[in-house]
PDB file of N, CA and C in Angstrom:
ATOM      1  N   MET A   1     -24.601  71.717  22.885  1.00  0.00           N
ATOM      2  CA  MET A   1     -25.788  70.983  23.640  1.00  0.00           C
ATOM      3  C   MET A   1     -26.824  70.494  22.885  1.00  0.00           C
ATOM      4  N   ILE A   2     -27.244  69.289  23.515  1.00  0.00           N
ATOM      5  CA  ILE A   2     -28.765  68.960  23.158  1.00  0.00           C
ATOM      6  C   ILE A   2     -29.588  69.247  23.984  1.00  0.00           C
ATOM      7  N   LEU A   3     -30.974  69.671  23.609  1.00  0.00           N
ATOM      8  CA  LEU A   3     -31.929  69.704  24.626  1.00  0.00           C
ATOM      9  C   LEU A   3     -33.049  68.848  24.180  1.00  0.00           C
ATOM     10  N   ASP A   4     -33.424  67.808  24.997  1.00  0.00           N
ATOM     11  CA  ASP A   4     -34.380  66.995  24.826  1.00  0.00           C
ATOM     12  C   ASP A   4     -35.676  67.385  25.699  1.00  0.00           C
ATOM     13  N   PHE A   5     -36.701  67.929  24.807  1.00  0.00           N
ATOM     14  CA  PHE A   5     -37.942  68.443  25.121  1.00  0.00           C
ATOM     15  C   PHE A   5     -39.025  67.122  25.502  1.00  0.00           C
ATOM     16  N   ALA A   6     -39.397  67.022  26.527  1.00  0.00           N
ATOM     17  CA  ALA A   6     -40.353  65.752  26.721  1.00  0.00           C
ATOM     18  C   ALA A   6     -41.811  66.145  26.898  1.00  0.00           C
ATOM     19  N   PRO A   7     -42.836  65.238  26.791  1.00  0.00           N
ATOM     20  CA  PRO A   7     -44.182  65.814  26.914  1.00  0.00           C
ATOM     21  C   PRO A   7     -44.349  66.093  28.379  1.00  0.00           C
ATOM     22  N   GLY A   8     -45.149  67.205  28.303  1.00  0.00           N
ATOM     23  CA  GLY A   8     -45.629  68.086  29.515  1.00  0.00           C
ATOM     24  C   GLY A   8     -44.453  69.417  29.801  1.00  0.00           C
ATOM     25  N   GLY A   9     -43.681  69.374  28.984  1.00  0.00           N
ATOM     26  CA  GLY A   9     -42.770  70.444  29.018  1.00  0.00           C
ATOM     27  C   GLY A   9     -41.544  70.383  29.612  1.00  0.00           C
ATOM     28  N   HIS A  10     -41.033  69.159  30.169  1.00  0.00           N
ATOM     29  CA  HIS A  10     -39.776  68.692  30.798  1.00  0.00           C
ATOM     30  C   HIS A  10     -38.716  68.957  29.895  1.00  0.00           C
ATOM     31  N   VAL A  11     -37.556  69.413  30.363  1.00  0.00           N
ATOM     32  CA  VAL A  11     -36.413  69.554  29.415  1.00  0.00           C
ATOM     33  C   VAL A  11     -35.356  68.690  30.081  1.00  0.00           C
ATOM     34  N   ARG A  12     -34.736  67.796  29.000  1.00  0.00           N
ATOM     35  CA  ARG A  12     -33.507  67.048  29.823  1.00  0.00           C
ATOM     36  C   ARG A  12     -32.301  67.633  28.835  1.00  0.00           C
ATOM     37  N   HIS A  13     -31.244  67.639  29.590  1.00  0.00           N
ATOM     38  CA  HIS A  13     -30.105  68.014  28.606  1.00  0.00           C
ATOM     39  C   HIS A  13     -28.888  67.904  29.865  1.00  0.00           C
ATOM     40  N   LEU A  14     -27.669  67.795  29.121  1.00  0.00           N
ATOM     41  CA  LEU A  14     -26.142  67.844  29.835  1.00  0.00           C
ATOM     42  C   LEU A  14     -26.000  69.192  30.248  1.00  0.00           C
ATOM     43  N   HIS A  15     -25.647  69.232  31.450  1.00  0.00           N
ATOM     44  CA  HIS A  15     -25.511  70.677  31.909  1.00  0.00           C
ATOM     45  C   HIS A  15     -24.178  71.246  31.490  1.00  0.00           C
ATOM     46  N   THR A  16     -24.158  72.535  31.006  1.00  0.00           N
ATOM     47  CA  THR A  16     -22.825  73.146  30.704  1.00  0.00           C
ATOM     48  C   THR A  16     -23.129  74.461  30.887  1.00  0.00           C
ATOM     49  N   GLU A  17     -21.950  75.147  31.194  1.00  0.00           N
ATOM     50  CA  GLU A  17     -21.946  76.549  31.589  1.00  0.00           C
ATOM     51  C   GLU A  17     -21.900  77.508  30.176  1.00  0.00           C
ATOM     52  N   LEU A  18     -21.863  76.892  28.907  1.00  0.00           N
ATOM     53  CA  LEU A  18     -21.679  77.373  27.788  1.00  0.00           C
ATOM     54  C   LEU A  18     -22.986  78.078  27.271  1.00  0.00           C
ATOM     55  N   LEU A  19     -23.915  77.598  28.201  1.00  0.00           N
ATOM     56  CA  LEU A  19     -25.365  78.062  27.714  1.00  0.00           C
ATOM     57  C   LEU A  19     -26.138  78.558  29.047  1.00  0.00           C
ATOM     58  N   ASP A  20     -26.740  79.645  28.937  1.00  0.00           N
ATOM     59  CA  ASP A  20     -27.760  79.954  30.344  1.00  0.00           C
ATOM     60  C   ASP A  20     -28.917  79.539  29.980  1.00  0.00           C
ATOM     61  N   THR A  21     -29.515  78.465  30.642  1.00  0.00           N
ATOM     62  CA  THR A  21     -30.723  77.934  30.572  1.00  0.00           C
ATOM     63  C   THR A  21     -31.855  78.584  31.103  1.00  0.00           C
ATOM     64  N   SER A  22     -31.667  79.581  31.706  1.00  0.00           N
ATOM     65  CA  SER A  22     -32.600  80.111  32.735  1.00  0.00           C
ATOM     66  C   SER A  22     -33.904  80.547  31.738  1.00  0.00           C
ATOM     67  N   PHE A  23     -33.638  80.807  30.386  1.00  0.00           N
ATOM     68  CA  PHE A  23     -34.775  80.993  29.504  1.00  0.00           C
ATOM     69  C   PHE A  23     -35.883  79.893  29.287  1.00  0.00           C
ATOM     70  N   LEU A  24     -35.317  78.682  29.957  1.00  0.00           N
ATOM     71  CA  LEU A  24     -36.436  77.625  29.660  1.00  0.00           C
ATOM     72  C   LEU A  24     -37.361  77.671  30.972  1.00  0.00           C
ATOM     73  N   GLY A  25     -36.959  78.560  32.088  1.00  0.00           N
ATOM     74  CA  GLY A  25     -37.925  78.459  33.330  1.00  0.00           C
ATOM     75  C   GLY A  25     -37.142  77.983  34.462  1.00  0.00           C
ATOM     76  N   PRO A  26     -37.794  77.902  35.465  1.00  0.00           N
ATOM     77  CA  PRO A  26     -37.163  77.479  36.775  1.00  0.00           C
ATOM     78  C   PRO A  26     -36.740  76.165  36.740  1.00  0.00           C
ATOM     79  N   THR A  27     -35.662  75.896  37.231  1.00  0.00           N
ATOM     80  CA  THR A  27     -35.290  74.285  37.466  1.00  0.00           C
ATOM     81  C   THR A  27     -35.849  73.801  38.637  1.00  0.00           C
ATOM     82  N   THR A  28     -36.361  72.588  38.382  1.00  0.00           N
ATOM     83  CA  THR A  28     -37.129  72.033  39.734  1.00  0.00           C
ATOM     84  C   THR A  28     -36.576  70.794  39.936  1.00  0.00           C
ATOM     85  N   ALA A  29     -36.003  69.995  39.038  1.00  0.00           N
ATOM     86  CA  ALA A  29     -35.414  68.807  39.477  1.00  0.00           C
ATOM     87  C   ALA A  29     -33.918  68.632  38.600  1.00  0.00           C
ATOM     88  N   ILE A  30     -32.793  68.312  39.358  1.00  0.00           N
ATOM     89  CA  ILE A  30     -31.639  68.230  38.798  1.00  0.00           C
ATOM     90  C   ILE A  30     -31.093  66.460  39.366  1.00  0.00           C
ATOM     91  N   THR A  31     -31.012  65.774  38.271  1.00  0.00           N
ATOM     92  CA  THR A  31     -30.291  64.409  38.295  1.00  0.00           C
ATOM     93  C   THR A  31     -29.265  64.280  37.589  1.00  0.00           C
ATOM     94  N   ARG A  32     -28.450  63.447  38.082  1.00  0.00           N
ATOM     95  CA  ARG A  32     -27.077  62.966  37.339  1.00  0.00           C
ATOM     96  C   ARG A  32     -27.645  61.927  36.609  1.00  0.00           C
ATOM     97  N   ALA A  33     -26.991  61.994  34.989  1.00  0.00           N
ATOM     98  CA  ALA A  33     -27.444  60.801  34.386  1.00  0.00           C
ATOM     99  C   ALA A  33     -26.100  59.673  34.359  1.00  0.00           C
ATOM    100  N   SER A  34     -25.095  60.485  34.534  1.00  0.00           N
ATOM    101  CA  SER A  34     -23.800  59.629  34.370  1.00  0.00           C
ATOM    102  C   SER A  34     -22.723  59.866  35.454  1.00  0.00           C
ATOM    103  N   GLU A  35     -21.789  58.965  35.744  1.00  0.00           N
ATOM    104  CA  GLU A  35     -20.768  59.331  36.465  1.00  0.00           C
ATOM    105  C   GLU A  35     -19.310  59.222  35.736  1.00  0.00           C
ATOM    106  N   VAL A  36     -18.539  60.261  35.654  1.00  0.00           N
ATOM    107  CA  VAL A  36     -17.213  59.960  35.100  1.00  0.00           C
ATOM    108  C   VAL A  36     -16.058  59.753  36.331  1.00  0.00           C
ATOM    109  N   GLU A  37     -15.678  58.651  36.266  1.00  0.00           N
ATOM    110  CA  GLU A  37     -14.782  58.335  37.497  1.00  0.00           C
ATOM    111  C   GLU A  37     -13.647  57.689  37.042  1.00  0.00           C
ATOM    112  N   PRO A  38     -12.368  57.846  37.983  1.00  0.00           N
ATOM    113  CA  PRO A  38     -11.420  57.228  37.739  1.00  0.00           C
ATOM    114  C   PRO A  38     -11.414  55.500  38.066  1.00  0.00           C
ATOM    115  N   ASN A  39     -10.525  54.565  37.155  1.00  0.00           N
ATOM    116  CA  ASN A  39     -10.554  52.999  37.858  1.00  0.00           C
ATOM    117  C   ASN A  39      -9.031  53.168  38.074  1.00  0.00           C
ATOM    118  N   PRO A  40      -8.730  52.834  39.260  1.00  0.00           N
ATOM    119  CA  PRO A  40      -7.513  52.758  39.839  1.00  0.00           C
ATOM    120  C   PRO A  40      -6.741  51.567  39.225  1.00  0.00           C
ATOM    121  N   GLN A  41      -7.644  50.436  39.001  1.00  0.00           N
ATOM    122  CA  GLN A  41      -7.011  49.317  38.371  1.00  0.00           C
ATOM    123  C   GLN A  41      -6.286  49.428  36.753  1.00  0.00           C
ATOM    124  N   THR A  42      -7.042  50.221  35.991  1.00  0.00           N
ATOM    125  CA  THR A  42      -6.998  50.195  34.578  1.00  0.00           C
ATOM    126  C   THR A  42      -6.300  51.586  34.418  1.00  0.00           C
ATOM    127  N   LEU A  43      -6.032  52.452  35.518  1.00  0.00           N
ATOM    128  CA  LEU A  43      -5.575  53.860  35.187  1.00  0.00           C
ATOM    129  C   LEU A  43      -6.253  54.514  33.909  1.00  0.00           C
ATOM    130  N   GLU A  44      -7.709  54.115  33.937  1.00  0.00           N
ATOM    131  CA  GLU A  44      -8.362  54.999  32.696  1.00  0.00           C
ATOM    132  C   GLU A  44      -9.952  55.578  33.639  1.00  0.00           C
ATOM    133  N   TRP A  45     -10.353  56.700  32.849  1.00  0.00           N
ATOM    134  CA  TRP A  45     -11.471  57.184  33.347  1.00  0.00           C
ATOM    135  C   TRP A  45     -12.891  56.396  32.796  1.00  0.00           C
ATOM    136  N   GLU A  46     -14.071  56.171  33.395  1.00  0.00           N
ATOM    137  CA  GLU A  46     -14.889  55.417  33.154  1.00  0.00           C
ATOM    138  C   GLU A  46     -16.109  56.234  33.160  1.00  0.00           C
ATOM    139  N   VAL A  47     -17.083  56.064  32.261  1.00  0.00           N
ATOM    140  CA  VAL A  47     -18.254  56.971  32.136  1.00  0.00           C
ATOM    141  C   VAL A  47     -19.528  55.487  32.404  1.00  0.00           C
ATOM    142  N   ARG A  48     -20.239  55.826  33.374  1.00  0.00           N
ATOM    143  CA  ARG A  48     -21.187  54.917  33.823  1.00  0.00           C
ATOM    144  C   ARG A  48     -22.580  55.334  34.088  1.00  0.00           C
ATOM    145  N   PRO A  49     -23.533  55.005  33.828  1.00  0.00           N
ATOM    146  CA  PRO A  49     -24.913  55.193  34.383  1.00  0.00           C
ATOM    147  C   PRO A  49     -24.863  55.410  35.769  1.00  0.00           C
ATOM    148  N   VAL A  50     -25.473  56.394  36.347  1.00  0.00           N
ATOM    149  CA  VAL A  50     -25.461  56.558  37.830  1.00  0.00           C
ATOM    150  C   VAL A  50     -26.090  55.355  38.523  1.00  0.00           C
ATOM    151  N   GLY A  51     -25.424  54.674  39.454  1.00  0.00           N
ATOM    152  CA  GLY A  51     -25.889  53.628  40.080  1.00  0.00           C
ATOM    153  C   GLY A  51     -25.909  52.158  39.429  1.00  0.00           C
ATOM    154  N   SER A  52     -24.979  52.339  38.409  1.00  0.00           N
ATOM    155  CA  SER A  52     -24.740  51.048  37.756  1.00  0.00           C
ATOM    156  C   SER A  52     -23.402  50.667  37.505  1.00  0.00           C
ATOM    157  N   SER A  53     -22.840  49.619  37.520  1.00  0.00           N
ATOM    158  CA  SER A  53     -21.791  49.342  37.154  1.00  0.00           C
ATOM    159  C   SER A  53     -21.303  48.976  35.511  1.00  0.00           C
ATOM    160  N   THR A  54     -22.208  49.263  34.830  1.00  0.00           N
ATOM    161  CA  THR A  54     -21.915  49.152  33.400  1.00  0.00           C
ATOM    162  C   THR A  54     -21.121  50.114  32.804  1.00  0.00           C
ATOM    163  N   VAL A  55     -20.138  49.955  32.156  1.00  0.00           N
ATOM    164  CA  VAL A  55     -19.115  50.962  31.546  1.00  0.00           C
ATOM    165  C   VAL A  55     -19.454  51.050  30.398  1.00  0.00           C
ATOM    166  N   LEU A  56     -19.996  52.565  30.049  1.00  0.00           N
ATOM    167  CA  LEU A  56     -20.232  52.926  28.638  1.00  0.00           C
ATOM    168  C   LEU A  56     -19.260  53.267  27.801  1.00  0.00           C
ATOM    169  N   PHE A  57     -18.137  53.687  28.533  1.00  0.00           N
ATOM    170  CA  PHE A  57     -16.890  54.235  27.664  1.00  0.00           C
ATOM    171  C   PHE A  57     -15.679  54.288  28.819  1.00  0.00           C
ATOM    172  N   THR A  58     -14.579  54.446  28.160  1.00  0.00           N
ATOM    173  CA  THR A  58     -13.354  54.370  28.908  1.00  0.00           C
ATOM    174  C   THR A  58     -12.268  55.123  28.126  1.00  0.00           C
ATOM    175  N   HIS A  59     -11.555  55.853  28.744  1.00  0.00           N
ATOM    176  CA  HIS A  59     -10.343  56.742  27.943  1.00  0.00           C
ATOM    177  C   HIS A  59      -9.118  57.001  29.168  1.00  0.00           C
ATOM    178  N   PRO A  60      -7.973  57.180  28.709  1.00  0.00           N
ATOM    179  CA  PRO A  60      -7.060  57.803  29.930  1.00  0.00           C
ATOM    180  C   PRO A  60      -7.192  59.129  30.146  1.00  0.00           C
ATOM    181  N   SER A  61      -7.987  59.637  29.168  1.00  0.00           N
ATOM    182  CA  SER A  61      -8.305  61.341  29.415  1.00  0.00           C
ATOM    183  C   SER A  61      -9.837  61.651  30.132  1.00  0.00           C
ATOM    184  N   ARG A  62      -9.850  62.315  31.068  1.00  0.00           N
ATOM    185  CA  ARG A  62     -11.005  62.521  31.665  1.00  0.00           C
ATOM    186  C   ARG A  62     -11.847  63.349  30.593  1.00  0.00           C
ATOM    187  N   SER A  63     -11.186  64.243  30.076  1.00  0.00           N
ATOM    188  CA  SER A  63     -11.720  65.108  29.124  1.00  0.00           C
ATOM    189  C   SER A  63     -12.433  64.448  27.942  1.00  0.00           C
ATOM    190  N   ALA A  64     -11.738  63.413  27.519  1.00  0.00           N
ATOM    191  CA  ALA A  64     -12.355  62.564  26.489  1.00  0.00           C
ATOM    192  C   ALA A  64     -13.596  62.015  26.948  1.00  0.00           C
ATOM    193  N   CYS A  65     -13.525  61.496  28.135  1.00  0.00           N
ATOM    194  CA  CYS A  65     -14.657  60.824  28.601  1.00  0.00           C
ATOM    195  C   CYS A  65     -15.966  61.889  28.784  1.00  0.00           C
ATOM    196  N   LEU A  66     -15.636  63.075  29.127  1.00  0.00           N
ATOM    197  CA  LEU A  66     -16.687  64.132  29.176  1.00  0.00           C
ATOM    198  C   LEU A  66     -17.377  64.438  27.769  1.00  0.00           C
ATOM    199  N   ALA A  67     -16.323  64.534  26.735  1.00  0.00           N
ATOM    200  CA  ALA A  67     -16.711  64.839  25.402  1.00  0.00           C
ATOM    201  C   ALA A  67     -17.620  63.703  24.832  1.00  0.00           C
ATOM    202  N   TRP A  68     -17.360  62.532  25.404  1.00  0.00           N
ATOM    203  CA  TRP A  68     -18.028  61.383  25.031  1.00  0.00           C
ATOM    204  C   TRP A  68     -19.460  61.338  25.405  1.00  0.00           C
ATOM    205  N   GLU A  69     -19.576  61.678  26.650  1.00  0.00           N
ATOM    206  CA  GLU A  69     -20.810  61.999  27.678  1.00  0.00           C
ATOM    207  C   GLU A  69     -21.727  63.030  26.982  1.00  0.00           C
ATOM    208  N   ASP A  70     -21.223  64.072  26.639  1.00  0.00           N
ATOM    209  CA  ASP A  70     -21.645  65.182  25.869  1.00  0.00           C
ATOM    210  C   ASP A  70     -22.521  64.839  24.542  1.00  0.00           C
ATOM    211  N   GLU A  71     -22.020  63.801  23.578  1.00  0.00           N
ATOM    212  CA  GLU A  71     -22.204  63.268  22.570  1.00  0.00           C
ATOM    213  C   GLU A  71     -23.058  61.933  22.564  1.00  0.00           C
ATOM    214  N   HIS A  72     -23.101  61.354  23.664  1.00  0.00           N
ATOM    215  CA  HIS A  72     -23.748  60.138  23.632  1.00  0.00           C
ATOM    216  C   HIS A  72     -24.724  59.960  24.910  1.00  0.00           C
ATOM    217  N   ILE A  73     -24.691  60.435  25.913  1.00  0.00           N
ATOM    218  CA  ILE A  73     -25.415  60.029  27.164  1.00  0.00           C
ATOM    219  C   ILE A  73     -26.818  60.154  27.037  1.00  0.00           C
ATOM    220  N   LEU A  74     -27.376  61.286  26.208  1.00  0.00           N
ATOM    221  CA  LEU A  74     -28.877  61.542  26.118  1.00  0.00           C
ATOM    222  C   LEU A  74     -29.300  60.668  25.419  1.00  0.00           C
ATOM    223  N   ASP A  75     -28.740  60.114  24.363  1.00  0.00           N
ATOM    224  CA  ASP A  75     -29.075  59.129  23.424  1.00  0.00           C
ATOM    225  C   ASP A  75     -29.261  57.705  24.146  1.00  0.00           C
ATOM    226  N   HIS A  76     -28.138  57.520  24.853  1.00  0.00           N
ATOM    227  CA  HIS A  76     -28.085  56.102  25.667  1.00  0.00           C
ATOM    228  C   HIS A  76     -29.257  56.215  26.692  1.00  0.00           C
ATOM    229  N   LEU A  77     -29.577  57.156  27.420  1.00  0.00           N
ATOM    230  CA  LEU A  77     -30.796  57.321  28.164  1.00  0.00           C
ATOM    231  C   LEU A  77     -32.138  57.100  27.481  1.00  0.00           C
ATOM    232  N   ALA A  78     -32.343  57.672  26.051  1.00  0.00           N
ATOM    233  CA  ALA A  78     -33.415  57.412  25.438  1.00  0.00           C
ATOM    234  C   ALA A  78     -33.731  55.886  25.062  1.00  0.00           C
ATOM    235  N   HIS A  79     -32.688  55.154  24.847  1.00  0.00           N
ATOM    236  CA  HIS A  79     -32.825  53.877  24.600  1.00  0.00           C
ATOM    237  C   HIS A  79     -32.859  52.770  25.601  1.00  0.00           C
ATOM    238  N   SER A  80     -32.953  53.481  26.951  1.00  0.00           N
ATOM    239  CA  SER A  80     -32.419  52.593  27.966  1.00  0.00           C
ATOM    240  C   SER A  80     -33.808  52.136  28.977  1.00  0.00           C
TER     241      SER A  80
END
């Protein structure tokens, strides 16, 4: 898990149940960074930023898309 500490004390990260983040303080805002959804035409899963039609990654396996999301989505958000 990557924790991104922003000025003012905000922390961005991809949620996982592998780490209890309650030690960081109360959760005040939760927003989705991306969507992992199936594409019925290609029969593959797609990773897209929330509210965008831009496909960042595709794969037949949803697990592969979730793994890609874990490794790349925070970096993508930092540069968008």
